[in-house]
C-alpha cells in the first residue's frame, strides 16, 4: 500500500483480487488490463496489459532517461529509440542494465537523478509551496497517484489509512505490482523503486512517503 500523510505515507503491494466494485473503479481509471476478467492474473501467472499512448509515453520517457546510465546489452550497442518505441518489457530491460556494475546505493542515486531530470528547474521547491505536508495534500497526491502511476505499478485504488491516530484517505493499495511482476526481482523492487521513490517524495517534495510491500516474491 502507498499511503500519503502529513507525517507518513505507506504503499502495500498484495496479490489480493479486487471486488466487482473495485474492478469498476479501476476500469474508469484505465487499468489497461487485457485479462478477460478485467482483474490481475492470479499468483503464478503474468498479467496481460494493453497499453495506450498515455502509458507508452511514460514508459518511453523514463526509459530514454535511464538509457544514459544503462550498461550496453550483451549484443552490443543500443540503437537510439524514440519515445514510443519502448514497451513495458523493454522499459524493465533498461532498468536491469542500469543495475549492472552498480552498488545498491548507486542504483538508488541513478533513479533519483532520473526523477529529477523529468521535472522543470525549481519544481521541488514549488511543490513544497503548493503542497505543504497537510492531510489535504496527502489525500490529493494519493488521488493523483492512482491514474498517473497506473502504467508503472498496475491498477490501484485509494484506501483509508491511519496516520498518527487520524484516519484519512491517503493510502494507495496496489493490487498486483506490475514492476515486481515483470522484473521478478526483489532487488529491483527495493533499489530501483521503493527506496529512491520514498527518498524522492520525502526529501525533495517534503511529503513523507512509506512504501510497504507485503509480498516480496513472485512465482512466474
N, C-alpha and C. Protein backbone atom coordinates (compact mmCIF):
# COMPACT_ATOMS: atom_id res chain seq x y z
N UNK A 1 0.84 -1.19 0.00
CA UNK A 1 0.00 0.00 0.00
C UNK A 1 0.87 1.24 0.00
N UNK A 2 0.41 2.25 -0.69
CA UNK A 2 1.06 3.55 -0.61
C UNK A 2 0.14 4.44 0.18
N UNK A 3 0.64 5.05 1.22
CA UNK A 3 -0.18 5.97 1.99
C UNK A 3 0.55 7.28 2.12
N UNK A 4 -0.14 8.34 1.80
CA UNK A 4 0.44 9.68 1.91
C UNK A 4 -0.16 10.36 3.13
N UNK A 5 0.67 10.91 3.96
CA UNK A 5 0.14 11.58 5.15
C UNK A 5 1.03 12.72 5.57
N UNK A 6 0.55 13.59 6.45
CA UNK A 6 1.34 14.70 6.93
C UNK A 6 2.65 14.23 7.55
N UNK A 7 2.63 13.04 8.14
CA UNK A 7 3.83 12.51 8.78
C UNK A 7 4.37 11.28 8.06
N UNK A 8 3.53 10.56 7.36
CA UNK A 8 4.00 9.33 6.73
C UNK A 8 3.07 8.90 5.62
N UNK A 9 3.61 8.13 4.68
CA UNK A 9 2.83 7.55 3.59
C UNK A 9 3.21 6.09 3.47
N UNK A 10 2.25 5.24 3.17
CA UNK A 10 2.54 3.82 3.07
C UNK A 10 2.08 3.27 1.72
N UNK A 11 2.80 2.30 1.20
CA UNK A 11 2.41 1.60 -0.03
C UNK A 11 2.47 0.11 0.24
N UNK A 12 1.37 -0.58 0.01
CA UNK A 12 1.35 -2.01 0.22
C UNK A 12 1.05 -2.71 -1.09
N UNK A 13 1.84 -3.69 -1.44
CA UNK A 13 1.63 -4.48 -2.65
C UNK A 13 1.15 -5.86 -2.24
N UNK A 14 0.00 -6.27 -2.73
CA UNK A 14 -0.52 -7.59 -2.38
C UNK A 14 -1.00 -8.31 -3.63
N UNK A 15 -1.40 -9.55 -3.45
CA UNK A 15 -1.98 -10.32 -4.55
C UNK A 15 -3.49 -10.41 -4.41
N UNK A 16 -4.07 -9.59 -3.54
CA UNK A 16 -5.50 -9.63 -3.31
C UNK A 16 -6.27 -9.29 -4.57
N UNK A 17 -7.26 -10.11 -4.91
CA UNK A 17 -8.08 -9.85 -6.08
C UNK A 17 -9.17 -8.84 -5.72
N UNK A 18 -9.50 -7.92 -6.64
CA UNK A 18 -10.48 -6.88 -6.34
C UNK A 18 -11.91 -7.39 -6.37
N UNK A 19 -12.78 -6.69 -5.69
CA UNK A 19 -14.20 -6.99 -5.75
C UNK A 19 -14.78 -6.37 -7.02
N UNK A 20 -16.05 -6.65 -7.30
CA UNK A 20 -16.67 -6.08 -8.51
C UNK A 20 -16.66 -4.57 -8.46
N UNK A 21 -16.92 -4.02 -7.28
CA UNK A 21 -16.92 -2.56 -7.14
C UNK A 21 -15.54 -2.00 -7.43
N UNK A 22 -14.49 -2.69 -6.95
CA UNK A 22 -13.13 -2.23 -7.17
C UNK A 22 -12.76 -2.33 -8.65
N UNK A 23 -13.22 -3.39 -9.31
CA UNK A 23 -12.91 -3.58 -10.72
C UNK A 23 -13.48 -2.42 -11.54
N UNK A 24 -14.73 -2.07 -11.26
CA UNK A 24 -15.36 -0.97 -11.98
C UNK A 24 -14.59 0.32 -11.77
N UNK A 25 -14.16 0.57 -10.53
CA UNK A 25 -13.40 1.78 -10.22
C UNK A 25 -12.09 1.80 -10.99
N UNK A 26 -11.41 0.66 -11.07
CA UNK A 26 -10.14 0.59 -11.77
C UNK A 26 -10.31 0.81 -13.26
N UNK A 27 -11.39 0.26 -13.83
CA UNK A 27 -11.61 0.41 -15.26
C UNK A 27 -11.81 1.86 -15.64
N UNK A 28 -12.48 2.61 -14.78
CA UNK A 28 -12.68 4.04 -15.04
C UNK A 28 -11.33 4.74 -15.14
N UNK A 29 -10.38 4.27 -14.33
CA UNK A 29 -9.06 4.89 -14.30
C UNK A 29 -8.09 4.21 -15.27
N UNK A 30 -8.65 3.48 -16.24
CA UNK A 30 -7.85 2.91 -17.33
C UNK A 30 -6.78 1.97 -16.78
N UNK A 31 -7.23 0.90 -16.13
CA UNK A 31 -6.27 -0.04 -15.57
C UNK A 31 -5.43 -0.69 -16.66
N UNK A 32 -5.96 -0.77 -17.92
CA UNK A 32 -5.17 -1.30 -19.03
C UNK A 32 -4.99 -2.80 -19.00
N UNK A 33 -5.70 -3.51 -18.12
CA UNK A 33 -5.56 -4.95 -18.04
C UNK A 33 -6.29 -5.61 -19.20
N UNK A 34 -5.61 -6.53 -19.87
CA UNK A 34 -6.19 -7.20 -21.02
C UNK A 34 -6.74 -8.58 -20.68
N UNK A 35 -6.75 -8.93 -19.39
CA UNK A 35 -7.31 -10.21 -18.97
C UNK A 35 -8.82 -10.20 -19.20
N UNK A 36 -9.41 -11.34 -19.62
CA UNK A 36 -10.86 -11.40 -19.85
C UNK A 36 -11.68 -10.97 -18.64
N UNK A 37 -11.17 -11.26 -17.44
CA UNK A 37 -11.90 -10.91 -16.22
C UNK A 37 -11.78 -9.44 -15.87
N UNK A 38 -10.81 -8.76 -16.46
CA UNK A 38 -10.56 -7.37 -16.09
C UNK A 38 -9.78 -7.24 -14.80
N UNK A 39 -9.34 -8.37 -14.23
CA UNK A 39 -8.60 -8.39 -12.97
C UNK A 39 -7.15 -8.81 -13.22
N UNK A 40 -6.24 -8.50 -12.30
CA UNK A 40 -4.87 -9.02 -12.42
C UNK A 40 -4.90 -10.55 -12.42
N UNK A 41 -3.99 -11.16 -13.15
CA UNK A 41 -3.92 -12.61 -13.19
C UNK A 41 -3.59 -13.15 -11.81
N UNK A 42 -4.02 -14.37 -11.49
CA UNK A 42 -3.73 -14.96 -10.18
C UNK A 42 -2.24 -15.13 -9.97
N UNK A 43 -1.85 -15.31 -8.71
CA UNK A 43 -0.45 -15.53 -8.37
C UNK A 43 0.11 -16.71 -9.16
N UNK A 44 1.27 -16.50 -9.77
CA UNK A 44 1.90 -17.53 -10.58
C UNK A 44 1.67 -17.34 -12.06
N UNK A 45 0.77 -16.41 -12.42
CA UNK A 45 0.51 -16.11 -13.82
C UNK A 45 0.79 -14.64 -14.09
N UNK A 46 1.37 -14.36 -15.25
CA UNK A 46 1.71 -12.99 -15.60
C UNK A 46 0.50 -12.26 -16.18
N UNK A 47 0.19 -11.12 -15.62
CA UNK A 47 -0.95 -10.33 -16.06
C UNK A 47 -0.71 -9.72 -17.44
N UNK A 48 -1.71 -9.79 -18.29
CA UNK A 48 -1.61 -9.20 -19.62
C UNK A 48 -2.18 -7.78 -19.58
N UNK A 49 -1.45 -6.86 -20.21
CA UNK A 49 -1.87 -5.46 -20.26
C UNK A 49 -2.01 -5.00 -21.71
N UNK A 50 -2.87 -4.02 -21.90
CA UNK A 50 -3.00 -3.37 -23.20
C UNK A 50 -2.72 -1.89 -22.98
N UNK A 51 -1.51 -1.46 -23.34
CA UNK A 51 -1.09 -0.08 -23.09
C UNK A 51 -1.46 0.85 -24.24
N UNK A 52 -1.93 2.04 -23.87
CA UNK A 52 -2.25 3.05 -24.86
C UNK A 52 -1.13 4.06 -24.99
N UNK A 53 -1.38 5.13 -25.71
CA UNK A 53 -0.35 6.15 -25.94
C UNK A 53 0.08 6.81 -24.64
N UNK A 54 -0.86 7.02 -23.72
CA UNK A 54 -0.55 7.65 -22.44
C UNK A 54 0.49 6.81 -21.69
N UNK A 55 0.21 5.50 -21.57
CA UNK A 55 1.12 4.62 -20.84
C UNK A 55 2.46 4.50 -21.55
N UNK A 56 2.44 4.33 -22.87
CA UNK A 56 3.68 4.16 -23.62
C UNK A 56 4.55 5.41 -23.59
N UNK A 57 3.93 6.57 -23.53
CA UNK A 57 4.71 7.81 -23.47
C UNK A 57 5.53 7.87 -22.18
N UNK A 58 4.93 7.47 -21.06
CA UNK A 58 5.66 7.46 -19.80
C UNK A 58 6.76 6.41 -19.81
N UNK A 59 6.47 5.23 -20.34
CA UNK A 59 7.49 4.18 -20.44
C UNK A 59 8.68 4.68 -21.25
N UNK A 60 8.39 5.29 -22.38
CA UNK A 60 9.45 5.77 -23.25
C UNK A 60 10.25 6.90 -22.65
N UNK A 61 9.58 7.86 -22.00
CA UNK A 61 10.28 8.98 -21.39
C UNK A 61 11.24 8.51 -20.30
N UNK A 62 10.76 7.62 -19.44
CA UNK A 62 11.62 7.13 -18.36
C UNK A 62 12.73 6.25 -18.91
N UNK A 63 12.42 5.40 -19.88
CA UNK A 63 13.44 4.50 -20.44
C UNK A 63 14.55 5.28 -21.13
N UNK A 64 14.18 6.32 -21.88
CA UNK A 64 15.20 7.13 -22.57
C UNK A 64 16.10 7.85 -21.57
N UNK A 65 15.53 8.31 -20.46
CA UNK A 65 16.34 8.95 -19.42
C UNK A 65 17.29 7.95 -18.79
N UNK A 66 16.82 6.73 -18.56
CA UNK A 66 17.63 5.71 -17.91
C UNK A 66 18.71 5.14 -18.82
N UNK A 67 18.48 5.20 -20.14
CA UNK A 67 19.47 4.67 -21.09
C UNK A 67 20.83 5.33 -20.91
N UNK A 68 20.85 6.58 -20.46
CA UNK A 68 22.11 7.30 -20.26
C UNK A 68 22.97 6.63 -19.20
N UNK A 69 22.33 5.90 -18.28
CA UNK A 69 23.06 5.27 -17.18
C UNK A 69 23.17 3.75 -17.36
N UNK A 70 22.55 3.22 -18.39
CA UNK A 70 22.47 1.77 -18.55
C UNK A 70 23.70 1.19 -19.23
N UNK A 71 24.08 -0.01 -18.81
CA UNK A 71 25.17 -0.73 -19.46
C UNK A 71 24.69 -1.20 -20.83
N UNK A 72 25.63 -1.35 -21.75
CA UNK A 72 25.27 -1.85 -23.08
C UNK A 72 24.83 -3.30 -22.98
N UNK A 73 23.83 -3.72 -23.77
CA UNK A 73 23.40 -5.12 -23.74
C UNK A 73 24.49 -6.03 -24.28
N UNK A 74 24.36 -7.32 -24.02
CA UNK A 74 25.37 -8.29 -24.46
C UNK A 74 25.53 -8.29 -25.97
N UNK A 75 24.47 -7.97 -26.67
CA UNK A 75 24.52 -7.99 -28.14
C UNK A 75 25.31 -6.82 -28.71
N UNK A 76 25.61 -5.82 -27.87
CA UNK A 76 26.36 -4.66 -28.37
C UNK A 76 25.67 -3.36 -28.03
N UNK A 77 25.85 -2.36 -28.88
CA UNK A 77 25.28 -1.05 -28.63
C UNK A 77 23.77 -1.05 -28.88
N UNK A 78 23.11 -0.11 -28.25
CA UNK A 78 21.66 0.01 -28.40
C UNK A 78 21.34 1.13 -29.38
N UNK A 79 20.61 0.83 -30.47
CA UNK A 79 20.22 1.91 -31.38
C UNK A 79 19.27 2.87 -30.68
N UNK A 80 19.41 4.13 -30.98
CA UNK A 80 18.56 5.12 -30.32
C UNK A 80 17.10 4.89 -30.67
N UNK A 81 16.27 4.90 -29.64
CA UNK A 81 14.84 4.67 -29.83
C UNK A 81 14.05 5.94 -29.57
N UNK A 82 12.91 6.02 -30.23
CA UNK A 82 12.00 7.11 -29.96
C UNK A 82 11.17 6.80 -28.73
N UNK A 83 10.44 7.78 -28.24
CA UNK A 83 9.64 7.61 -27.03
C UNK A 83 8.66 6.44 -27.17
N UNK A 84 8.03 6.30 -28.33
CA UNK A 84 7.00 5.27 -28.50
C UNK A 84 7.55 3.94 -29.02
N UNK A 85 8.88 3.81 -29.05
CA UNK A 85 9.48 2.55 -29.47
C UNK A 85 9.64 1.58 -28.30
N UNK A 86 9.37 2.05 -27.08
CA UNK A 86 9.52 1.21 -25.90
C UNK A 86 8.17 0.61 -25.51
N UNK A 87 8.21 -0.63 -25.02
CA UNK A 87 7.06 -1.21 -24.35
C UNK A 87 7.47 -1.50 -22.91
N UNK A 88 6.61 -2.13 -22.14
CA UNK A 88 6.93 -2.33 -20.73
C UNK A 88 8.11 -3.28 -20.54
N UNK A 89 8.19 -4.30 -21.38
CA UNK A 89 9.29 -5.26 -21.27
C UNK A 89 10.63 -4.59 -21.53
N UNK A 90 10.70 -3.72 -22.53
CA UNK A 90 11.97 -3.05 -22.81
C UNK A 90 12.30 -2.01 -21.75
N UNK A 91 11.28 -1.41 -21.14
CA UNK A 91 11.49 -0.49 -20.02
C UNK A 91 12.14 -1.23 -18.85
N UNK A 92 11.63 -2.42 -18.53
CA UNK A 92 12.20 -3.22 -17.44
C UNK A 92 13.61 -3.67 -17.79
N UNK A 93 13.83 -3.99 -19.07
CA UNK A 93 15.16 -4.42 -19.52
C UNK A 93 16.19 -3.32 -19.32
N UNK A 94 15.80 -2.08 -19.59
CA UNK A 94 16.70 -0.95 -19.36
C UNK A 94 17.01 -0.82 -17.87
N UNK A 95 15.99 -1.00 -17.04
CA UNK A 95 16.19 -0.94 -15.59
C UNK A 95 17.22 -1.95 -15.13
N UNK A 96 17.16 -3.15 -15.69
CA UNK A 96 18.10 -4.20 -15.31
C UNK A 96 19.52 -3.81 -15.72
N UNK A 97 19.67 -3.17 -16.89
CA UNK A 97 21.01 -2.76 -17.33
C UNK A 97 21.55 -1.61 -16.50
N UNK A 98 20.65 -0.78 -15.94
CA UNK A 98 21.09 0.29 -15.04
C UNK A 98 21.71 -0.30 -13.78
N UNK A 99 21.19 -1.43 -13.33
CA UNK A 99 21.68 -2.06 -12.11
C UNK A 99 23.08 -2.66 -12.27
N UNK A 100 23.44 -3.04 -13.48
CA UNK A 100 24.69 -3.75 -13.73
C UNK A 100 25.90 -2.90 -13.33
N UNK A 101 26.80 -3.50 -12.52
CA UNK A 101 28.03 -2.82 -12.12
C UNK A 101 27.87 -1.73 -11.09
N UNK A 102 26.67 -1.60 -10.51
CA UNK A 102 26.43 -0.56 -9.52
C UNK A 102 26.04 -1.17 -8.18
N UNK A 103 26.43 -0.51 -7.11
CA UNK A 103 26.01 -0.92 -5.78
C UNK A 103 24.54 -0.53 -5.60
N UNK A 104 23.94 -1.00 -4.52
CA UNK A 104 22.55 -0.64 -4.24
C UNK A 104 22.39 0.86 -4.10
N UNK A 105 23.32 1.52 -3.40
CA UNK A 105 23.24 2.96 -3.22
C UNK A 105 23.36 3.69 -4.55
N UNK A 106 24.26 3.23 -5.41
CA UNK A 106 24.44 3.85 -6.72
C UNK A 106 23.19 3.69 -7.58
N UNK A 107 22.54 2.54 -7.50
CA UNK A 107 21.30 2.32 -8.24
C UNK A 107 20.24 3.30 -7.78
N UNK A 108 20.13 3.49 -6.49
CA UNK A 108 19.14 4.41 -5.94
C UNK A 108 19.44 5.85 -6.36
N UNK A 109 20.71 6.21 -6.42
CA UNK A 109 21.10 7.55 -6.83
C UNK A 109 20.76 7.82 -8.29
N UNK A 110 20.91 6.79 -9.13
CA UNK A 110 20.56 6.94 -10.54
C UNK A 110 19.07 7.23 -10.69
N UNK A 111 18.24 6.48 -9.97
CA UNK A 111 16.79 6.69 -10.05
C UNK A 111 16.44 8.11 -9.60
N UNK A 112 17.10 8.59 -8.57
CA UNK A 112 16.85 9.95 -8.10
C UNK A 112 17.19 10.96 -9.20
N UNK A 113 18.32 10.76 -9.87
CA UNK A 113 18.71 11.66 -10.95
C UNK A 113 17.72 11.62 -12.10
N UNK A 114 17.23 10.43 -12.40
CA UNK A 114 16.24 10.29 -13.48
C UNK A 114 14.95 11.02 -13.11
N UNK A 115 14.49 10.85 -11.89
CA UNK A 115 13.27 11.52 -11.45
C UNK A 115 13.42 13.04 -11.49
N UNK A 116 14.57 13.53 -11.04
CA UNK A 116 14.80 14.98 -11.07
C UNK A 116 14.86 15.50 -12.50
N UNK A 117 15.42 14.70 -13.40
CA UNK A 117 15.55 15.13 -14.80
C UNK A 117 14.20 15.23 -15.50
N UNK A 118 13.17 14.60 -14.93
CA UNK A 118 11.84 14.64 -15.52
C UNK A 118 11.10 15.93 -15.14
N UNK A 119 11.66 16.69 -14.20
CA UNK A 119 10.99 17.89 -13.70
C UNK A 119 11.65 19.16 -14.20
N UNK A 120 10.89 20.23 -14.36
CA UNK A 120 11.49 21.52 -14.73
C UNK A 120 12.29 22.07 -13.55
N UNK A 121 13.24 22.98 -13.81
CA UNK A 121 14.04 23.57 -12.73
C UNK A 121 13.15 24.22 -11.66
N UNK A 122 13.51 23.99 -10.41
CA UNK A 122 12.76 24.60 -9.32
C UNK A 122 11.46 23.92 -8.97
N UNK A 123 11.14 22.81 -9.63
CA UNK A 123 9.86 22.13 -9.38
C UNK A 123 9.71 21.64 -7.95
N UNK A 124 10.74 20.99 -7.35
CA UNK A 124 10.57 20.53 -5.97
C UNK A 124 10.23 21.65 -4.99
N UNK A 125 10.91 22.80 -5.12
CA UNK A 125 10.65 23.92 -4.22
C UNK A 125 9.23 24.45 -4.42
N UNK A 126 8.78 24.51 -5.67
CA UNK A 126 7.43 24.98 -5.96
C UNK A 126 6.40 24.01 -5.41
N UNK A 127 6.70 22.71 -5.51
CA UNK A 127 5.79 21.68 -5.00
C UNK A 127 5.61 21.85 -3.49
N UNK A 128 6.72 22.13 -2.79
CA UNK A 128 6.65 22.30 -1.34
C UNK A 128 5.73 23.47 -0.97
N UNK A 129 5.74 24.52 -1.79
CA UNK A 129 4.88 25.68 -1.52
C UNK A 129 3.41 25.35 -1.77
N UNK A 130 3.14 24.63 -2.86
CA UNK A 130 1.77 24.31 -3.23
C UNK A 130 1.18 23.20 -2.36
N UNK A 131 2.04 22.27 -1.95
CA UNK A 131 1.55 21.12 -1.19
C UNK A 131 2.34 20.92 0.10
N UNK A 132 2.11 21.76 1.08
CA UNK A 132 2.77 21.55 2.38
C UNK A 132 2.26 20.24 2.97
N UNK A 133 3.00 19.64 3.91
CA UNK A 133 2.62 18.33 4.46
C UNK A 133 1.37 18.39 5.33
N UNK A 134 0.21 18.52 4.69
CA UNK A 134 -1.07 18.53 5.38
C UNK A 134 -1.88 17.31 4.97
N UNK A 135 -2.96 17.06 5.67
CA UNK A 135 -3.83 15.93 5.32
C UNK A 135 -4.40 16.12 3.92
N UNK A 136 -4.81 17.34 3.59
CA UNK A 136 -5.36 17.60 2.26
C UNK A 136 -4.36 17.28 1.18
N UNK A 137 -3.10 17.73 1.36
CA UNK A 137 -2.06 17.48 0.36
C UNK A 137 -1.81 16.00 0.20
N UNK A 138 -1.79 15.27 1.33
CA UNK A 138 -1.56 13.84 1.27
C UNK A 138 -2.67 13.13 0.51
N UNK A 139 -3.91 13.49 0.80
CA UNK A 139 -5.05 12.84 0.13
C UNK A 139 -5.11 13.22 -1.35
N UNK A 140 -4.78 14.47 -1.66
CA UNK A 140 -4.79 14.92 -3.05
C UNK A 140 -3.75 14.17 -3.87
N UNK A 141 -2.54 14.03 -3.32
CA UNK A 141 -1.48 13.34 -4.04
C UNK A 141 -1.73 11.84 -4.14
N UNK A 142 -2.40 11.27 -3.15
CA UNK A 142 -2.78 9.87 -3.23
C UNK A 142 -3.75 9.66 -4.39
N UNK A 143 -4.70 10.59 -4.54
CA UNK A 143 -5.67 10.50 -5.63
C UNK A 143 -4.98 10.61 -6.99
N UNK A 144 -3.96 11.45 -7.09
CA UNK A 144 -3.22 11.60 -8.34
C UNK A 144 -2.36 10.37 -8.65
N UNK A 145 -1.91 9.70 -7.61
CA UNK A 145 -1.04 8.54 -7.79
C UNK A 145 -1.73 7.44 -8.58
N UNK A 146 -3.03 7.24 -8.33
CA UNK A 146 -3.76 6.13 -8.95
C UNK A 146 -3.73 6.20 -10.48
N UNK A 147 -4.15 7.29 -11.11
CA UNK A 147 -4.13 7.33 -12.58
C UNK A 147 -2.75 7.53 -13.19
N UNK A 148 -1.88 8.30 -12.53
CA UNK A 148 -0.62 8.65 -13.15
C UNK A 148 0.49 7.62 -12.97
N UNK A 149 0.35 6.72 -12.00
CA UNK A 149 1.35 5.67 -11.83
C UNK A 149 0.78 4.31 -12.21
N UNK A 150 -0.39 4.34 -12.81
CA UNK A 150 -1.02 3.13 -13.32
C UNK A 150 -0.10 2.38 -14.27
N UNK A 151 0.58 3.11 -15.16
CA UNK A 151 1.44 2.49 -16.18
C UNK A 151 2.60 1.73 -15.55
N UNK A 152 3.06 2.16 -14.37
CA UNK A 152 4.23 1.57 -13.73
C UNK A 152 3.87 0.39 -12.83
N UNK A 153 2.85 0.54 -12.00
CA UNK A 153 2.56 -0.47 -10.98
C UNK A 153 1.28 -1.25 -11.23
N UNK A 154 0.51 -0.87 -12.25
CA UNK A 154 -0.75 -1.56 -12.49
C UNK A 154 -1.90 -0.92 -11.73
N UNK A 155 -3.07 -1.56 -11.73
CA UNK A 155 -4.25 -0.98 -11.11
C UNK A 155 -4.10 -0.81 -9.61
N UNK A 156 -4.61 0.29 -9.11
CA UNK A 156 -4.54 0.59 -7.68
C UNK A 156 -5.79 1.38 -7.29
N UNK A 157 -5.95 1.61 -6.00
CA UNK A 157 -7.10 2.35 -5.51
C UNK A 157 -6.73 3.09 -4.23
N UNK A 158 -7.40 4.21 -4.01
CA UNK A 158 -7.19 4.97 -2.78
C UNK A 158 -7.93 4.27 -1.65
N UNK A 159 -7.25 4.12 -0.51
CA UNK A 159 -7.86 3.49 0.65
C UNK A 159 -7.62 4.35 1.89
N UNK A 160 -8.40 4.10 2.90
CA UNK A 160 -8.27 4.83 4.16
C UNK A 160 -7.15 4.22 5.01
N UNK A 161 -6.32 5.07 5.59
CA UNK A 161 -5.24 4.61 6.48
C UNK A 161 -5.27 5.48 7.74
N UNK A 162 -4.54 5.05 8.74
CA UNK A 162 -4.46 5.82 9.97
C UNK A 162 -3.04 6.35 10.13
N UNK A 163 -2.91 7.65 10.25
CA UNK A 163 -1.62 8.31 10.41
C UNK A 163 -1.64 9.10 11.71
N UNK A 164 -0.82 8.69 12.65
CA UNK A 164 -0.77 9.36 13.96
C UNK A 164 -2.14 9.44 14.61
N UNK A 165 -2.90 8.35 14.51
CA UNK A 165 -4.20 8.28 15.14
C UNK A 165 -5.32 8.93 14.36
N UNK A 166 -5.02 9.50 13.19
CA UNK A 166 -6.03 10.16 12.37
C UNK A 166 -6.30 9.34 11.11
N UNK A 167 -7.57 9.05 10.83
CA UNK A 167 -7.93 8.31 9.63
C UNK A 167 -8.07 9.26 8.46
N UNK A 168 -7.47 8.89 7.34
CA UNK A 168 -7.53 9.73 6.15
C UNK A 168 -7.36 8.86 4.91
N UNK A 169 -7.89 9.35 3.80
CA UNK A 169 -7.80 8.60 2.54
C UNK A 169 -6.54 9.00 1.79
N UNK A 170 -5.41 8.62 2.35
CA UNK A 170 -4.12 8.94 1.73
C UNK A 170 -3.31 7.68 1.47
N UNK A 171 -3.98 6.53 1.48
CA UNK A 171 -3.30 5.28 1.17
C UNK A 171 -3.62 4.86 -0.26
N UNK A 172 -2.69 4.19 -0.89
CA UNK A 172 -2.90 3.66 -2.24
C UNK A 172 -2.59 2.17 -2.21
N UNK A 173 -3.59 1.37 -2.46
CA UNK A 173 -3.43 -0.09 -2.47
C UNK A 173 -3.17 -0.56 -3.90
N UNK A 174 -1.98 -1.10 -4.14
CA UNK A 174 -1.62 -1.66 -5.44
C UNK A 174 -1.99 -3.14 -5.42
N UNK A 175 -2.84 -3.54 -6.32
CA UNK A 175 -3.39 -4.89 -6.26
C UNK A 175 -2.37 -5.97 -6.65
N UNK A 176 -1.57 -5.71 -7.63
CA UNK A 176 -0.52 -6.66 -8.04
C UNK A 176 0.51 -5.85 -8.81
N UNK A 177 1.62 -5.53 -8.17
CA UNK A 177 2.58 -4.60 -8.75
C UNK A 177 3.13 -5.10 -10.09
N UNK A 178 2.94 -4.31 -11.12
CA UNK A 178 3.39 -4.69 -12.46
C UNK A 178 4.90 -4.73 -12.55
N UNK A 179 5.57 -3.80 -11.89
CA UNK A 179 7.03 -3.72 -11.96
C UNK A 179 7.66 -4.95 -11.32
N UNK A 180 7.18 -5.32 -10.15
CA UNK A 180 7.71 -6.50 -9.47
C UNK A 180 7.35 -7.77 -10.23
N UNK A 181 6.15 -7.81 -10.76
CA UNK A 181 5.70 -8.98 -11.51
C UNK A 181 6.55 -9.22 -12.75
N UNK A 182 6.88 -8.15 -13.47
CA UNK A 182 7.64 -8.29 -14.72
C UNK A 182 9.13 -8.45 -14.49
N UNK A 183 9.66 -7.86 -13.45
CA UNK A 183 11.09 -7.99 -13.18
C UNK A 183 11.40 -9.30 -12.48
N UNK A 184 10.48 -9.76 -11.63
CA UNK A 184 10.70 -10.98 -10.86
C UNK A 184 11.89 -10.87 -9.93
N UNK A 185 12.24 -9.63 -9.56
CA UNK A 185 13.45 -9.40 -8.78
C UNK A 185 13.16 -8.46 -7.61
N UNK A 186 13.34 -8.97 -6.40
CA UNK A 186 13.11 -8.15 -5.22
C UNK A 186 14.11 -6.99 -5.16
N UNK A 187 15.35 -7.24 -5.60
CA UNK A 187 16.36 -6.19 -5.60
C UNK A 187 15.96 -5.00 -6.45
N UNK A 188 15.35 -5.26 -7.61
CA UNK A 188 14.87 -4.17 -8.46
C UNK A 188 13.74 -3.42 -7.78
N UNK A 189 12.84 -4.16 -7.14
CA UNK A 189 11.72 -3.54 -6.43
C UNK A 189 12.23 -2.59 -5.36
N UNK A 190 13.22 -3.02 -4.59
CA UNK A 190 13.72 -2.24 -3.46
C UNK A 190 14.59 -1.08 -3.91
N UNK A 191 15.56 -1.34 -4.78
CA UNK A 191 16.58 -0.34 -5.12
C UNK A 191 16.25 0.54 -6.32
N UNK A 192 15.37 0.07 -7.19
CA UNK A 192 15.01 0.85 -8.37
C UNK A 192 13.62 1.49 -8.24
N UNK A 193 12.93 1.20 -7.13
CA UNK A 193 11.59 1.76 -6.96
C UNK A 193 11.35 2.20 -5.52
N UNK A 194 11.28 1.25 -4.59
CA UNK A 194 10.86 1.53 -3.22
C UNK A 194 11.69 2.62 -2.54
N UNK A 195 12.99 2.36 -2.35
CA UNK A 195 13.84 3.30 -1.60
C UNK A 195 14.00 4.64 -2.29
N UNK A 196 14.34 4.68 -3.60
CA UNK A 196 14.50 6.00 -4.23
C UNK A 196 13.21 6.80 -4.30
N UNK A 197 12.06 6.13 -4.46
CA UNK A 197 10.79 6.85 -4.51
C UNK A 197 10.46 7.44 -3.15
N UNK A 198 10.66 6.65 -2.10
CA UNK A 198 10.45 7.16 -0.74
C UNK A 198 11.32 8.38 -0.48
N UNK A 199 12.60 8.26 -0.83
CA UNK A 199 13.56 9.34 -0.61
C UNK A 199 13.18 10.58 -1.42
N UNK A 200 12.75 10.38 -2.65
CA UNK A 200 12.43 11.49 -3.54
C UNK A 200 11.26 12.31 -2.99
N UNK A 201 10.17 11.64 -2.65
CA UNK A 201 9.00 12.36 -2.14
C UNK A 201 9.26 12.98 -0.78
N UNK A 202 10.00 12.27 0.06
CA UNK A 202 10.24 12.77 1.42
C UNK A 202 11.21 13.94 1.43
N UNK A 203 12.35 13.80 0.73
CA UNK A 203 13.41 14.81 0.80
C UNK A 203 13.31 15.90 -0.26
N UNK A 204 12.82 15.59 -1.43
CA UNK A 204 12.72 16.60 -2.49
C UNK A 204 11.39 17.36 -2.42
N UNK A 205 10.30 16.64 -2.18
CA UNK A 205 8.98 17.25 -2.16
C UNK A 205 8.48 17.58 -0.75
N UNK A 206 9.17 17.05 0.27
CA UNK A 206 8.76 17.34 1.64
C UNK A 206 7.46 16.67 2.04
N UNK A 207 7.09 15.60 1.34
CA UNK A 207 5.86 14.87 1.65
C UNK A 207 6.25 13.44 2.02
N UNK A 208 6.31 13.12 3.32
CA UNK A 208 6.77 11.80 3.76
C UNK A 208 6.01 10.66 3.09
N UNK A 209 6.76 9.70 2.60
CA UNK A 209 6.18 8.55 1.90
C UNK A 209 6.82 7.28 2.42
N UNK A 210 6.00 6.28 2.71
CA UNK A 210 6.50 4.97 3.10
C UNK A 210 5.86 3.93 2.22
N UNK A 211 6.66 3.12 1.55
CA UNK A 211 6.16 2.05 0.70
C UNK A 211 6.40 0.73 1.42
N UNK A 212 5.33 -0.02 1.61
CA UNK A 212 5.42 -1.26 2.38
C UNK A 212 4.91 -2.44 1.56
N UNK A 213 5.79 -3.10 0.80
CA UNK A 213 5.35 -4.29 0.06
C UNK A 213 5.02 -5.41 1.04
N UNK A 214 3.88 -6.06 0.84
CA UNK A 214 3.52 -7.18 1.69
C UNK A 214 3.79 -8.50 1.00
N UNK A 215 4.31 -8.44 -0.22
CA UNK A 215 4.63 -9.63 -0.98
C UNK A 215 5.94 -9.38 -1.69
N UNK A 216 6.99 -10.10 -1.35
CA UNK A 216 8.32 -9.85 -1.91
C UNK A 216 8.81 -11.00 -2.77
N UNK A 217 7.93 -11.84 -3.25
CA UNK A 217 8.34 -12.93 -4.13
C UNK A 217 7.20 -13.25 -5.07
N UNK A 218 7.52 -13.52 -6.32
CA UNK A 218 6.51 -13.83 -7.32
C UNK A 218 6.88 -15.12 -8.03
N UNK A 219 5.94 -15.99 -8.18
CA UNK A 219 6.19 -17.22 -8.93
C UNK A 219 5.68 -17.00 -10.34
N UNK A 220 6.57 -16.91 -11.32
CA UNK A 220 6.19 -16.64 -12.70
C UNK A 220 6.19 -17.92 -13.50
